[in-house]
Amino acid sequence: MAVNQRPRVGVVKLASCDGCQLTLLDLEDELLPIVGRFDLIEFPEATSNRSHGPFDILLVEGSVSTEDQRQEIIDLRSRSRLLVSIGACATAGGIQALRNWADEPAYRASVYPEPAYISSLAMATPVADHVTVDAELRGCPIAPGQLLELLTALRVGRRPQLPAEAVCLSCKRAGYECVLVGKGIACLGPVTVAGCGALCPAFGRGCYACFGPREEANVDALHDWLSSDRPPGEVDRLFAGFTGWAPAFRGPAERAVIAKEARTDA
C-alpha cells in the first residue's frame, strides 16, 4: 500500500522492554537514510519531540496489559493509516502473557508492597486482540533486516517480503549442525518462523521460538516426538517462552505453567 511523500511515522510502546525500538536505533548506517525518507514525528526512545498524529505508519511495541493501554491502542488505531505490531510482546503477548494462566492478583501481591496501587488487566494480550493490525514483525527483538524490508516496502508501495519458512532452513543454508539430530538437544526450529538467522543453533543451543510459530506448523507432532525420550514436562516448558501465548503453542505452554504453579503450591 503506497503512502504519501515523507510518510509520518510514529514508534510507541505498551508493556515491553524497549528492545524492539532499540533495533531501529541500532541500524546505524541505515538510520540517516531512513530519517531522510520518513518524517519521524513520535519516538520517545529517540527524541523529546512528541506528536499525537495522525500517522501514516505506526510501529507498536509491547502487549496490552492495562486498561489505559487498551484504550490507548484503540485511540492510536483511529489515528493511524497503517499499524504494525513489532516484537514478540506485540504479536504474541510476550513472556508476560504466561501469567494469563495464573492468578494475576496473587502475582501483584507477591511483587508489590501495595498491590492496590497497581492497575493491570487480568491478561496480557497481543495488539491484534484489540485492534486491526496491518502487518507484524516477529522476534524478541525484531530482526533489523526485516525492519528495513518493511520500511522499504511501505515507502515504495509494495508488499513486504518477509520469510514464512522454518528456522531449520536458516540452519541448513548456514551449514550449522542440527542440534536436534546431531546432539539430541530439544529444538523448536521446525515449528518456528525464520528471522533470527538461527542464532541459538549457531551456538549449539536449541531454538526457543522467539519469532513464534510458522504457518501450518505441526506442533503436536514435534511435541510428541521430543517428549518420547525426555522427562515429563520438559518439552512443555520449552514452549512456555517468549511466544507461549501464540495459539499454536498455547497447549504445551499452558500445561507447563499450570504444572509449575502446582509445584509452587505444594
C-alpha atoms as a PDB file:
ATOM      1  CA  MET A   1       0.000   0.000   0.000  1.00  0.00           C
ATOM      2  CA  ALA A   2       1.590   3.270  -1.101  1.00  0.00           C
ATOM      3  CA  VAL A   3       1.977   6.114   1.364  1.00  0.00           C
ATOM      4  CA  ASN A   4       2.472   9.860   0.983  1.00  0.00           C
ATOM      5  CA  GLN A   5       5.767  11.662   0.388  1.00  0.00           C
ATOM      6  CA  ARG A   6       7.843  11.518   3.567  1.00  0.00           C
ATOM      7  CA  PRO A   7       5.349   9.371   5.457  1.00  0.00           C
ATOM      8  CA  ARG A   8       4.610  10.460   9.016  1.00  0.00           C
ATOM      9  CA  VAL A   9       5.917   7.681  11.278  1.00  0.00           C
ATOM     10  CA  GLY A  10       5.343   7.044  14.960  1.00  0.00           C
ATOM     11  CA  VAL A  11       7.014   4.499  17.248  1.00  0.00           C
ATOM     12  CA  VAL A  12       5.236   3.788  20.535  1.00  0.00           C
ATOM     13  CA  LYS A  13       5.343   1.161  23.261  1.00  0.00           C
ATOM     14  CA  LEU A  14       2.941  -0.561  25.607  1.00  0.00           C
ATOM     15  CA  ALA A  15       4.129  -3.248  28.071  1.00  0.00           C
ATOM     16  CA  SER A  16       7.624  -4.150  26.865  1.00  0.00           C
ATOM     17  CA  CYS A  17      11.371  -3.829  27.440  1.00  0.00           C
ATOM     18  CA  ASP A  18      12.074  -1.344  24.576  1.00  0.00           C
ATOM     19  CA  GLY A  19      14.345  -3.858  22.837  1.00  0.00           C
ATOM     20  CA  CYS A  20      12.482  -3.737  19.530  1.00  0.00           C
ATOM     21  CA  GLN A  21      12.605   0.064  19.474  1.00  0.00           C
ATOM     22  CA  LEU A  22      16.348  -0.106  20.089  1.00  0.00           C
ATOM     23  CA  THR A  23      16.655  -2.286  16.979  1.00  0.00           C
ATOM     24  CA  LEU A  24      15.669   0.771  14.942  1.00  0.00           C
ATOM     25  CA  LEU A  25      18.307   2.902  16.665  1.00  0.00           C
ATOM     26  CA  ASP A  26      20.903   0.147  16.193  1.00  0.00           C
ATOM     27  CA  LEU A  27      20.596   0.306  12.393  1.00  0.00           C
ATOM     28  CA  GLU A  28      23.434   2.869  12.460  1.00  0.00           C
ATOM     29  CA  ASP A  29      24.487   3.210   8.779  1.00  0.00           C
ATOM     30  CA  GLU A  30      20.881   2.927   7.618  1.00  0.00           C
ATOM     31  CA  LEU A  31      19.434   5.296  10.220  1.00  0.00           C
ATOM     32  CA  LEU A  32      20.198   8.587   8.459  1.00  0.00           C
ATOM     33  CA  PRO A  33      18.724   7.443   5.116  1.00  0.00           C
ATOM     34  CA  ILE A  34      15.617   6.272   6.991  1.00  0.00           C
ATOM     35  CA  VAL A  35      15.236   9.659   8.653  1.00  0.00           C
ATOM     36  CA  GLY A  36      15.675  11.311   5.263  1.00  0.00           C
ATOM     37  CA  ARG A  37      12.820   9.303   3.735  1.00  0.00           C
ATOM     38  CA  PHE A  38      10.395   9.335   6.661  1.00  0.00           C
ATOM     39  CA  ASP A  39       9.107  12.044   8.949  1.00  0.00           C
ATOM     40  CA  LEU A  40       9.670  10.519  12.402  1.00  0.00           C
ATOM     41  CA  ILE A  41       7.167  12.532  14.418  1.00  0.00           C
ATOM     42  CA  GLU A  42       6.774  10.346  17.528  1.00  0.00           C
ATOM     43  CA  PHE A  43       9.537   8.200  19.039  1.00  0.00           C
ATOM     44  CA  PRO A  44      10.059   8.781  22.799  1.00  0.00           C
ATOM     45  CA  GLU A  45      13.044   6.402  22.852  1.00  0.00           C
ATOM     46  CA  ALA A  46      14.948   8.714  20.498  1.00  0.00           C
ATOM     47  CA  THR A  47      13.574  12.255  20.829  1.00  0.00           C
ATOM     48  CA  SER A  48      11.708  14.524  23.216  1.00  0.00           C
ATOM     49  CA  ASN A  49       9.587  15.852  20.337  1.00  0.00           C
ATOM     50  CA  ARG A  50       6.077  14.467  20.693  1.00  0.00           C
ATOM     51  CA  SER A  51       3.098  14.168  18.376  1.00  0.00           C
ATOM     52  CA  HIS A  52      -0.443  12.802  18.563  1.00  0.00           C
ATOM     53  CA  GLY A  53      -0.504  12.094  14.831  1.00  0.00           C
ATOM     54  CA  PRO A  54      -2.104  11.381  12.532  1.00  0.00           C
ATOM     55  CA  PHE A  55       0.362   8.720  11.422  1.00  0.00           C
ATOM     56  CA  ASP A  56       0.899   7.159   8.015  1.00  0.00           C
ATOM     57  CA  ILE A  57       2.791   4.320   9.713  1.00  0.00           C
ATOM     58  CA  LEU A  58       2.680   3.471  13.408  1.00  0.00           C
ATOM     59  CA  LEU A  59       5.060   0.879  14.880  1.00  0.00           C
ATOM     60  CA  VAL A  60       3.734  -0.515  18.162  1.00  0.00           C
ATOM     61  CA  GLU A  61       5.895  -2.456  20.609  1.00  0.00           C
ATOM     62  CA  GLY A  62       4.535  -4.305  23.629  1.00  0.00           C
ATOM     63  CA  SER A  63       1.499  -6.208  24.842  1.00  0.00           C
ATOM     64  CA  VAL A  64      -1.732  -4.728  26.141  1.00  0.00           C
ATOM     65  CA  SER A  65      -1.519  -5.241  29.912  1.00  0.00           C
ATOM     66  CA  THR A  66      -3.500  -2.377  31.461  1.00  0.00           C
ATOM     67  CA  GLU A  67      -6.832  -0.699  30.816  1.00  0.00           C
ATOM     68  CA  ASP A  68      -5.013   2.531  29.926  1.00  0.00           C
ATOM     69  CA  GLN A  69      -3.026   0.651  27.276  1.00  0.00           C
ATOM     70  CA  ARG A  70      -6.189  -0.922  25.895  1.00  0.00           C
ATOM     71  CA  GLN A  71      -7.781   2.484  25.477  1.00  0.00           C
ATOM     72  CA  GLU A  72      -4.537   3.922  24.098  1.00  0.00           C
ATOM     73  CA  ILE A  73      -4.175   1.350  21.338  1.00  0.00           C
ATOM     74  CA  ILE A  74      -7.784   1.886  20.235  1.00  0.00           C
ATOM     75  CA  ASP A  75      -7.138   5.622  20.064  1.00  0.00           C
ATOM     76  CA  LEU A  76      -3.838   5.160  18.208  1.00  0.00           C
ATOM     77  CA  ARG A  77      -5.513   2.872  15.690  1.00  0.00           C
ATOM     78  CA  SER A  78      -8.028   5.607  14.869  1.00  0.00           C
ATOM     79  CA  ARG A  79      -5.168   7.993  14.076  1.00  0.00           C
ATOM     80  CA  SER A  80      -3.031   5.593  12.031  1.00  0.00           C
ATOM     81  CA  ARG A  81      -3.221   4.704   8.369  1.00  0.00           C
ATOM     82  CA  LEU A  82      -1.067   1.598   8.784  1.00  0.00           C
ATOM     83  CA  LEU A  83      -0.458  -0.046  12.163  1.00  0.00           C
ATOM     84  CA  VAL A  84       2.422  -2.506  12.528  1.00  0.00           C
ATOM     85  CA  SER A  85       2.934  -4.560  15.680  1.00  0.00           C
ATOM     86  CA  ILE A  86       6.615  -5.265  16.336  1.00  0.00           C
ATOM     87  CA  GLY A  87       8.160  -7.920  18.522  1.00  0.00           C
ATOM     88  CA  ALA A  88       7.025 -10.974  20.477  1.00  0.00           C
ATOM     89  CA  CYS A  89       5.131  -8.898  23.052  1.00  0.00           C
ATOM     90  CA  ALA A  90       3.041  -7.026  20.483  1.00  0.00           C
ATOM     91  CA  THR A  91       2.454 -10.026  18.215  1.00  0.00           C
ATOM     92  CA  ALA A  92       2.077 -12.874  20.745  1.00  0.00           C
ATOM     93  CA  GLY A  93       1.731 -11.322  24.205  1.00  0.00           C
ATOM     94  CA  GLY A  94       5.367 -11.823  25.157  1.00  0.00           C
ATOM     95  CA  ILE A  95       6.794 -13.511  28.207  1.00  0.00           C
ATOM     96  CA  GLN A  96       4.382 -11.551  30.425  1.00  0.00           C
ATOM     97  CA  ALA A  97       1.425 -13.344  28.820  1.00  0.00           C
ATOM     98  CA  LEU A  98       2.391 -16.505  30.711  1.00  0.00           C
ATOM     99  CA  ARG A  99       0.516 -15.003  33.653  1.00  0.00           C
ATOM    100  CA  ASN A 100      -2.688 -15.413  31.665  1.00  0.00           C
ATOM    101  CA  TRP A 101      -2.968 -18.948  33.063  1.00  0.00           C
ATOM    102  CA  ALA A 102      -2.307 -17.888  36.643  1.00  0.00           C
ATOM    103  CA  ASP A 103      -3.779 -15.760  39.421  1.00  0.00           C
ATOM    104  CA  GLU A 104      -2.921 -12.184  38.408  1.00  0.00           C
ATOM    105  CA  PRO A 105      -3.814 -10.583  41.798  1.00  0.00           C
ATOM    106  CA  ALA A 106      -1.555 -13.100  43.522  1.00  0.00           C
ATOM    107  CA  TYR A 107       1.334 -12.067  41.255  1.00  0.00           C
ATOM    108  CA  ARG A 108       0.823  -8.410  42.126  1.00  0.00           C
ATOM    109  CA  ALA A 109       0.665  -9.172  45.838  1.00  0.00           C
ATOM    110  CA  SER A 110       3.918 -11.161  45.687  1.00  0.00           C
ATOM    111  CA  VAL A 111       5.832  -8.362  43.926  1.00  0.00           C
ATOM    112  CA  TYR A 112       4.448  -5.025  45.149  1.00  0.00           C
ATOM    113  CA  PRO A 113       4.113  -3.954  48.811  1.00  0.00           C
ATOM    114  CA  GLU A 114       0.948  -2.015  47.915  1.00  0.00           C
ATOM    115  CA  PRO A 115      -0.703  -4.089  45.150  1.00  0.00           C
ATOM    116  CA  ALA A 116      -3.800  -1.881  45.217  1.00  0.00           C
ATOM    117  CA  TYR A 117      -1.733   0.881  43.594  1.00  0.00           C
ATOM    118  CA  ILE A 118      -1.068  -1.280  40.524  1.00  0.00           C
ATOM    119  CA  SER A 119      -3.696  -1.245  37.813  1.00  0.00           C
ATOM    120  CA  SER A 120      -3.494  -4.115  35.345  1.00  0.00           C
ATOM    121  CA  LEU A 121      -5.769  -6.299  33.277  1.00  0.00           C
ATOM    122  CA  ALA A 122      -6.239  -9.945  34.172  1.00  0.00           C
ATOM    123  CA  MET A 123      -4.428 -10.904  30.949  1.00  0.00           C
ATOM    124  CA  ALA A 124      -1.545  -9.573  28.839  1.00  0.00           C
ATOM    125  CA  THR A 125      -2.518  -9.878  25.185  1.00  0.00           C
ATOM    126  CA  PRO A 126      -1.152  -9.036  21.707  1.00  0.00           C
ATOM    127  CA  VAL A 127      -2.178  -5.861  19.917  1.00  0.00           C
ATOM    128  CA  ALA A 128      -4.229  -7.769  17.326  1.00  0.00           C
ATOM    129  CA  ASP A 129      -6.608  -8.921  20.071  1.00  0.00           C
ATOM    130  CA  HIS A 130      -7.821  -5.323  20.390  1.00  0.00           C
ATOM    131  CA  VAL A 131      -7.452  -3.566  17.022  1.00  0.00           C
ATOM    132  CA  THR A 132      -6.839  -4.355  13.374  1.00  0.00           C
ATOM    133  CA  VAL A 133      -3.134  -4.830  12.615  1.00  0.00           C
ATOM    134  CA  ASP A 134      -1.895  -4.271   9.062  1.00  0.00           C
ATOM    135  CA  ALA A 135       1.454  -6.060   9.433  1.00  0.00           C
ATOM    136  CA  GLU A 136       3.560  -7.848  12.032  1.00  0.00           C
ATOM    137  CA  LEU A 137       7.277  -8.088  12.662  1.00  0.00           C
ATOM    138  CA  ARG A 138       8.100 -11.078  14.827  1.00  0.00           C
ATOM    139  CA  GLY A 139      11.000 -11.655  17.190  1.00  0.00           C
ATOM    140  CA  CYS A 140      12.481 -10.873  20.580  1.00  0.00           C
ATOM    141  CA  PRO A 141      13.787  -8.493  19.450  1.00  0.00           C
ATOM    142  CA  ILE A 142      12.775  -7.965  15.814  1.00  0.00           C
ATOM    143  CA  ALA A 143      15.324  -8.561  13.052  1.00  0.00           C
ATOM    144  CA  PRO A 144      16.976  -5.383  11.658  1.00  0.00           C
ATOM    145  CA  GLY A 145      16.804  -6.745   8.115  1.00  0.00           C
ATOM    146  CA  GLN A 146      13.082  -7.378   8.366  1.00  0.00           C
ATOM    147  CA  LEU A 147      12.506  -3.877   9.737  1.00  0.00           C
ATOM    148  CA  LEU A 148      14.407  -2.383   6.789  1.00  0.00           C
ATOM    149  CA  GLU A 149      12.441  -4.544   4.350  1.00  0.00           C
ATOM    150  CA  LEU A 150       9.144  -3.423   5.873  1.00  0.00           C
ATOM    151  CA  LEU A 151      10.030   0.277   5.775  1.00  0.00           C
ATOM    152  CA  THR A 152      11.377  -0.001   2.218  1.00  0.00           C
ATOM    153  CA  ALA A 153       8.273  -1.812   1.019  1.00  0.00           C
ATOM    154  CA  LEU A 154       5.921   0.684   2.623  1.00  0.00           C
ATOM    155  CA  ARG A 155       7.922   3.570   1.210  1.00  0.00           C
ATOM    156  CA  VAL A 156       7.674   2.352  -2.392  1.00  0.00           C
ATOM    157  CA  GLY A 157       4.191   0.886  -2.080  1.00  0.00           C
ATOM    158  CA  ARG A 158       4.802  -2.865  -2.430  1.00  0.00           C
ATOM    159  CA  ARG A 159       4.121  -5.894  -0.230  1.00  0.00           C
ATOM    160  CA  PRO A 160       6.913  -6.634   2.293  1.00  0.00           C
ATOM    161  CA  GLN A 161       8.845  -9.820   1.525  1.00  0.00           C
ATOM    162  CA  LEU A 162       9.087 -11.422   4.963  1.00  0.00           C
ATOM    163  CA  PRO A 163      10.091 -15.078   5.474  1.00  0.00           C
ATOM    164  CA  ALA A 164       7.484 -17.738   6.200  1.00  0.00           C
ATOM    165  CA  GLU A 165       9.853 -20.708   6.310  1.00  0.00           C
ATOM    166  CA  ALA A 166      11.126 -22.608   9.355  1.00  0.00           C
ATOM    167  CA  VAL A 167      14.319 -21.826  11.254  1.00  0.00           C
ATOM    168  CA  CYS A 168      15.634 -25.191  10.081  1.00  0.00           C
ATOM    169  CA  LEU A 169      16.133 -23.797   6.586  1.00  0.00           C
ATOM    170  CA  SER A 170      18.304 -20.990   8.000  1.00  0.00           C
ATOM    171  CA  CYS A 171      20.414 -23.643   9.725  1.00  0.00           C
ATOM    172  CA  LYS A 172      20.815 -25.620   6.516  1.00  0.00           C
ATOM    173  CA  ARG A 173      21.831 -22.591   4.464  1.00  0.00           C
ATOM    174  CA  ALA A 174      24.411 -21.541   7.046  1.00  0.00           C
ATOM    175  CA  GLY A 175      25.835 -25.049   7.328  1.00  0.00           C
ATOM    176  CA  TYR A 176      25.120 -25.390  11.053  1.00  0.00           C
ATOM    177  CA  GLU A 177      24.958 -28.829  12.607  1.00  0.00           C
ATOM    178  CA  CYS A 178      21.399 -29.802  13.519  1.00  0.00           C
ATOM    179  CA  VAL A 179      21.416 -29.693  17.317  1.00  0.00           C
ATOM    180  CA  LEU A 180      18.362 -31.942  17.440  1.00  0.00           C
ATOM    181  CA  VAL A 181      19.745 -34.725  15.253  1.00  0.00           C
ATOM    182  CA  GLY A 182      23.440 -34.329  15.977  1.00  0.00           C
ATOM    183  CA  LYS A 183      23.379 -33.535  19.706  1.00  0.00           C
ATOM    184  CA  GLY A 184      19.964 -34.652  20.883  1.00  0.00           C
ATOM    185  CA  ILE A 185      19.092 -31.141  22.098  1.00  0.00           C
ATOM    186  CA  ALA A 186      15.395 -30.242  22.089  1.00  0.00           C
ATOM    187  CA  CYS A 187      14.828 -27.563  19.452  1.00  0.00           C
ATOM    188  CA  LEU A 188      11.712 -25.727  18.265  1.00  0.00           C
ATOM    189  CA  GLY A 189      13.268 -24.745  14.954  1.00  0.00           C
ATOM    190  CA  PRO A 190      10.986 -26.992  12.850  1.00  0.00           C
ATOM    191  CA  VAL A 191       7.850 -25.124  14.018  1.00  0.00           C
ATOM    192  CA  THR A 192       9.323 -21.605  14.355  1.00  0.00           C
ATOM    193  CA  VAL A 193       9.315 -18.994  11.606  1.00  0.00           C
ATOM    194  CA  ALA A 194      12.738 -17.827  10.425  1.00  0.00           C
ATOM    195  CA  GLY A 195      14.115 -14.367  11.059  1.00  0.00           C
ATOM    196  CA  CYS A 196      16.843 -14.615  13.686  1.00  0.00           C
ATOM    197  CA  GLY A 197      19.420 -16.241  11.410  1.00  0.00           C
ATOM    198  CA  ALA A 198      19.285 -19.405  13.545  1.00  0.00           C
ATOM    199  CA  LEU A 199      21.192 -17.610  16.286  1.00  0.00           C
ATOM    200  CA  CYS A 200      20.769 -20.227  19.026  1.00  0.00           C
ATOM    201  CA  PRO A 201      21.607 -23.280  16.875  1.00  0.00           C
ATOM    202  CA  ALA A 202      24.685 -21.392  15.651  1.00  0.00           C
ATOM    203  CA  PHE A 203      25.993 -21.642  19.222  1.00  0.00           C
ATOM    204  CA  GLY A 204      24.920 -25.228  19.757  1.00  0.00           C
ATOM    205  CA  ARG A 205      21.636 -24.484  21.510  1.00  0.00           C
ATOM    206  CA  GLY A 206      18.059 -25.349  20.631  1.00  0.00           C
ATOM    207  CA  CYS A 207      15.695 -22.755  19.182  1.00  0.00           C
ATOM    208  CA  TYR A 208      13.488 -21.016  21.779  1.00  0.00           C
ATOM    209  CA  ALA A 209      10.836 -19.925  19.242  1.00  0.00           C
ATOM    210  CA  CYS A 210      11.435 -16.189  19.759  1.00  0.00           C
ATOM    211  CA  PHE A 211       9.852 -15.491  16.352  1.00  0.00           C
ATOM    212  CA  GLY A 212       6.760 -17.567  17.072  1.00  0.00           C
ATOM    213  CA  PRO A 213       5.092 -20.384  15.141  1.00  0.00           C
ATOM    214  CA  ARG A 214       5.271 -20.559  11.377  1.00  0.00           C
ATOM    215  CA  GLU A 215       2.093 -21.113   9.405  1.00  0.00           C
ATOM    216  CA  GLU A 216       0.768 -24.684   9.384  1.00  0.00           C
ATOM    217  CA  ALA A 217       3.425 -25.821  11.860  1.00  0.00           C
ATOM    218  CA  ASN A 218       2.814 -29.367  13.095  1.00  0.00           C
ATOM    219  CA  VAL A 219       3.343 -28.536  16.749  1.00  0.00           C
ATOM    220  CA  ASP A 220       1.685 -31.703  18.080  1.00  0.00           C
ATOM    221  CA  ALA A 221       3.938 -33.980  16.047  1.00  0.00           C
ATOM    222  CA  LEU A 222       7.124 -32.213  17.162  1.00  0.00           C
ATOM    223  CA  HIS A 223       5.929 -32.108  20.777  1.00  0.00           C
ATOM    224  CA  ASP A 224       5.174 -35.836  20.843  1.00  0.00           C
ATOM    225  CA  TRP A 225       8.482 -36.728  19.183  1.00  0.00           C
ATOM    226  CA  LEU A 226      10.562 -34.595  21.542  1.00  0.00           C
ATOM    227  CA  SER A 227       8.640 -35.892  24.573  1.00  0.00           C
ATOM    228  CA  SER A 228       9.196 -39.547  23.702  1.00  0.00           C
ATOM    229  CA  ASP A 229      12.654 -39.692  25.322  1.00  0.00           C
ATOM    230  CA  ARG A 230      12.605 -36.741  27.725  1.00  0.00           C
ATOM    231  CA  PRO A 231      11.316 -36.265  31.282  1.00  0.00           C
ATOM    232  CA  PRO A 232       7.611 -35.354  31.586  1.00  0.00           C
ATOM    233  CA  GLY A 233       7.002 -31.633  31.212  1.00  0.00           C
ATOM    234  CA  GLU A 234      10.435 -30.744  29.798  1.00  0.00           C
ATOM    235  CA  VAL A 235       9.135 -30.098  26.289  1.00  0.00           C
ATOM    236  CA  ASP A 236       6.061 -28.255  27.594  1.00  0.00           C
ATOM    237  CA  ARG A 237       8.383 -25.836  29.398  1.00  0.00           C
ATOM    238  CA  LEU A 238      10.263 -25.209  26.156  1.00  0.00           C
ATOM    239  CA  PHE A 239       7.068 -23.954  24.522  1.00  0.00           C
ATOM    240  CA  ALA A 240       6.290 -21.711  27.510  1.00  0.00           C
ATOM    241  CA  GLY A 241       8.630 -18.942  26.433  1.00  0.00           C
ATOM    242  CA  PHE A 242       8.600 -15.648  24.561  1.00  0.00           C
ATOM    243  CA  THR A 243       5.716 -16.717  22.308  1.00  0.00           C
ATOM    244  CA  GLY A 244       3.936 -19.198  24.562  1.00  0.00           C
ATOM    245  CA  TRP A 245       0.613 -17.363  24.220  1.00  0.00           C
ATOM    246  CA  ALA A 246       0.620 -17.763  20.426  1.00  0.00           C
ATOM    247  CA  PRO A 247      -2.377 -20.007  19.628  1.00  0.00           C
ATOM    248  CA  ALA A 248      -0.233 -22.787  18.133  1.00  0.00           C
ATOM    249  CA  PHE A 249       1.899 -23.011  21.295  1.00  0.00           C
ATOM    250  CA  ARG A 250      -0.757 -22.485  23.961  1.00  0.00           C
ATOM    251  CA  GLY A 251      -1.479 -26.128  24.733  1.00  0.00           C
ATOM    252  CA  PRO A 252       2.039 -27.124  25.836  1.00  0.00           C
ATOM    253  CA  ALA A 253       2.706 -23.723  27.408  1.00  0.00           C
ATOM    254  CA  GLU A 254      -0.457 -23.914  29.497  1.00  0.00           C
ATOM    255  CA  ARG A 255       0.465 -27.341  30.807  1.00  0.00           C
ATOM    256  CA  ALA A 256       3.919 -26.074  31.765  1.00  0.00           C
ATOM    257  CA  VAL A 257       2.618 -23.020  33.643  1.00  0.00           C
ATOM    258  CA  ILE A 258      -0.083 -24.971  35.481  1.00  0.00           C
ATOM    259  CA  ALA A 259       2.433 -27.659  36.474  1.00  0.00           C
ATOM    260  CA  LYS A 260       4.806 -25.022  37.820  1.00  0.00           C
ATOM    261  CA  GLU A 261       2.028 -23.406  39.846  1.00  0.00           C
ATOM    262  CA  ALA A 262       1.102 -26.820  41.277  1.00  0.00           C
ATOM    263  CA  ARG A 263       4.689 -27.440  42.357  1.00  0.00           C
ATOM    264  CA  THR A 264       4.860 -23.991  43.960  1.00  0.00           C
ATOM    265  CA  ASP A 265       1.623 -24.541  45.885  1.00  0.00           C
ATOM    266  CA  ALA A 266       2.870 -27.917  47.082  1.00  0.00           C
END
